[in-house]
Amino acid sequence: MIRRLAGAALALIALWLLWQGVSAVQLIVSRGSPLDDALLQPPTSLWRIVAAGLAVIGGLLAALNIKGGGWFAVPGAILFAALPGAMAAMGTDSSLWMDEVISGGAMVVLAGALAFVKRS
């Protein structure tokens, strides 16, 4: 039961973060930039979407008690937790990546629960 709750919580957090990433890319594209610029200038947009997508898939698989959920959730959570470090290294203001620190930490804790709690 703990594993299913952790998976559901991880999926919800990651889904929210995925939506934020996709909506930011949509906003940039609607202002006239090409999609590849929106995703790769800087590459943190693509990084965020991929990491959150992996975490959503893993969280949903774990919530549904399907084998392999942790294999998607753990890399997604680790990639998302590393995102603020990449943003800080690029010189981004801390007000833009502090939310990612908190969200990434929560995702790592939940993914850790998926990795270390036995499936029932």
Protein backbone atom coordinates (compact mmCIF):
# COMPACT_ATOMS: atom_id res chain seq x y z
CA MET A 1 0.00 0.00 0.00
CA ILE A 2 2.85 2.40 0.81
CA ARG A 3 4.38 1.71 -2.57
CA ARG A 4 1.11 2.47 -4.36
CA LEU A 5 0.64 5.72 -2.43
CA ALA A 6 4.23 6.77 -3.13
CA GLY A 7 3.72 5.99 -6.82
CA ALA A 8 0.51 8.02 -6.97
CA ALA A 9 2.10 10.97 -5.18
CA LEU A 10 5.14 10.82 -7.45
CA ALA A 11 2.94 10.67 -10.54
CA LEU A 12 0.90 13.68 -9.41
CA ILE A 13 3.96 15.81 -8.61
CA ALA A 14 5.67 14.82 -11.85
CA LEU A 15 2.51 15.44 -13.88
CA TRP A 16 2.28 18.96 -12.48
CA LEU A 17 5.95 19.58 -13.29
CA LEU A 18 5.50 18.11 -16.77
CA TRP A 19 2.58 20.43 -17.40
CA GLN A 20 4.66 23.43 -16.30
CA GLY A 21 7.42 22.45 -18.72
CA VAL A 22 5.09 21.86 -21.64
CA SER A 23 3.17 25.08 -21.05
CA ALA A 24 6.43 27.07 -20.97
CA VAL A 25 7.48 25.56 -24.29
CA GLN A 26 4.03 26.32 -25.73
CA LEU A 27 4.34 29.93 -24.60
CA ILE A 28 7.74 30.32 -26.24
CA VAL A 29 6.51 28.74 -29.47
CA SER A 30 3.38 30.93 -29.50
CA ARG A 31 5.64 33.98 -29.42
CA GLY A 32 7.23 32.94 -32.69
CA SER A 33 10.24 30.83 -31.73
CA PRO A 34 10.75 27.47 -33.43
CA LEU A 35 10.14 24.35 -31.36
CA ASP A 36 13.80 23.31 -31.33
CA ASP A 37 14.80 26.69 -29.88
CA ALA A 38 12.06 26.40 -27.25
CA LEU A 39 13.33 22.96 -26.21
CA LEU A 40 17.07 23.41 -26.57
CA GLN A 41 17.82 27.08 -25.83
CA PRO A 42 18.56 26.38 -22.95
CA PRO A 43 18.29 22.59 -22.90
CA THR A 44 16.67 22.64 -19.46
CA SER A 45 13.20 22.66 -21.05
CA LEU A 46 13.78 19.34 -22.78
CA TRP A 47 15.54 18.00 -19.67
CA ARG A 48 12.55 18.94 -17.50
CA ILE A 49 10.01 17.36 -19.86
CA VAL A 50 11.95 14.09 -20.22
CA ALA A 51 12.66 13.76 -16.49
CA ALA A 52 9.09 14.54 -15.46
CA GLY A 53 7.72 12.22 -18.16
CA LEU A 54 9.81 9.32 -16.90
CA ALA A 55 8.68 10.01 -13.34
CA VAL A 56 5.01 10.16 -14.39
CA ILE A 57 5.27 6.81 -16.18
CA GLY A 58 7.09 5.21 -13.25
CA GLY A 59 4.71 6.63 -10.68
CA LEU A 60 1.66 5.44 -12.59
CA LEU A 61 3.12 1.96 -13.07
CA ALA A 62 3.90 1.75 -9.35
CA ALA A 63 0.47 3.08 -8.36
CA LEU A 64 -1.11 0.40 -10.54
CA ASN A 65 1.21 -2.20 -8.97
CA ILE A 66 2.77 -3.04 -12.33
CA LYS A 67 6.30 -4.39 -12.31
CA GLY A 68 9.00 -1.99 -13.54
CA GLY A 69 7.63 1.27 -12.20
CA GLY A 70 10.78 1.98 -10.24
CA TRP A 71 12.90 1.57 -13.36
CA PHE A 72 11.21 4.62 -14.83
CA ALA A 73 10.64 6.59 -11.64
CA VAL A 74 14.15 6.54 -10.18
CA PRO A 75 16.01 7.88 -13.25
CA GLY A 76 13.28 10.47 -13.80
CA ALA A 77 13.51 11.68 -10.20
CA ILE A 78 17.32 11.78 -10.28
CA LEU A 79 17.34 13.68 -13.57
CA PHE A 80 14.81 16.15 -12.20
CA ALA A 81 16.78 16.57 -8.97
CA ALA A 82 19.89 17.36 -11.04
CA LEU A 83 18.04 20.02 -13.06
CA PRO A 84 18.48 22.85 -10.51
CA GLY A 85 22.22 22.21 -10.48
CA ALA A 86 22.35 22.58 -14.24
CA MET A 87 20.26 25.73 -14.06
CA ALA A 88 22.53 27.18 -11.38
CA ALA A 89 25.62 26.30 -13.43
CA MET A 90 24.14 28.24 -16.37
CA GLY A 91 23.82 31.31 -14.16
CA THR A 92 20.04 31.25 -13.79
CA ASP A 93 18.66 33.30 -10.91
CA SER A 94 17.91 31.17 -7.86
CA SER A 95 14.29 32.31 -7.77
CA LEU A 96 13.76 30.36 -11.01
CA TRP A 97 15.15 27.04 -9.82
CA MET A 98 14.39 26.94 -6.08
CA ASP A 99 11.02 25.24 -6.72
CA GLU A 100 12.84 22.52 -8.67
CA VAL A 101 15.09 21.87 -5.66
CA ILE A 102 12.09 21.22 -3.45
CA SER A 103 10.17 19.23 -6.07
CA GLY A 104 13.24 17.21 -7.05
CA GLY A 105 13.95 16.35 -3.42
CA ALA A 106 10.38 15.16 -2.90
CA MET A 107 10.56 13.11 -6.08
CA VAL A 108 13.82 11.45 -5.01
CA VAL A 109 12.30 10.50 -1.63
CA LEU A 110 9.20 9.03 -3.29
CA ALA A 111 11.25 7.22 -5.93
CA GLY A 112 13.44 5.86 -3.14
CA ALA A 113 10.33 4.46 -1.50
CA LEU A 114 9.46 2.77 -4.79
CA ALA A 115 12.95 1.33 -5.05
CA PHE A 116 13.25 0.01 -1.51
CA VAL A 117 9.72 -0.93 -0.43
CA LYS A 118 8.70 -4.42 -1.51
CA ARG A 119 5.73 -4.77 -3.80
CA SER A 120 2.75 -6.45 -2.12
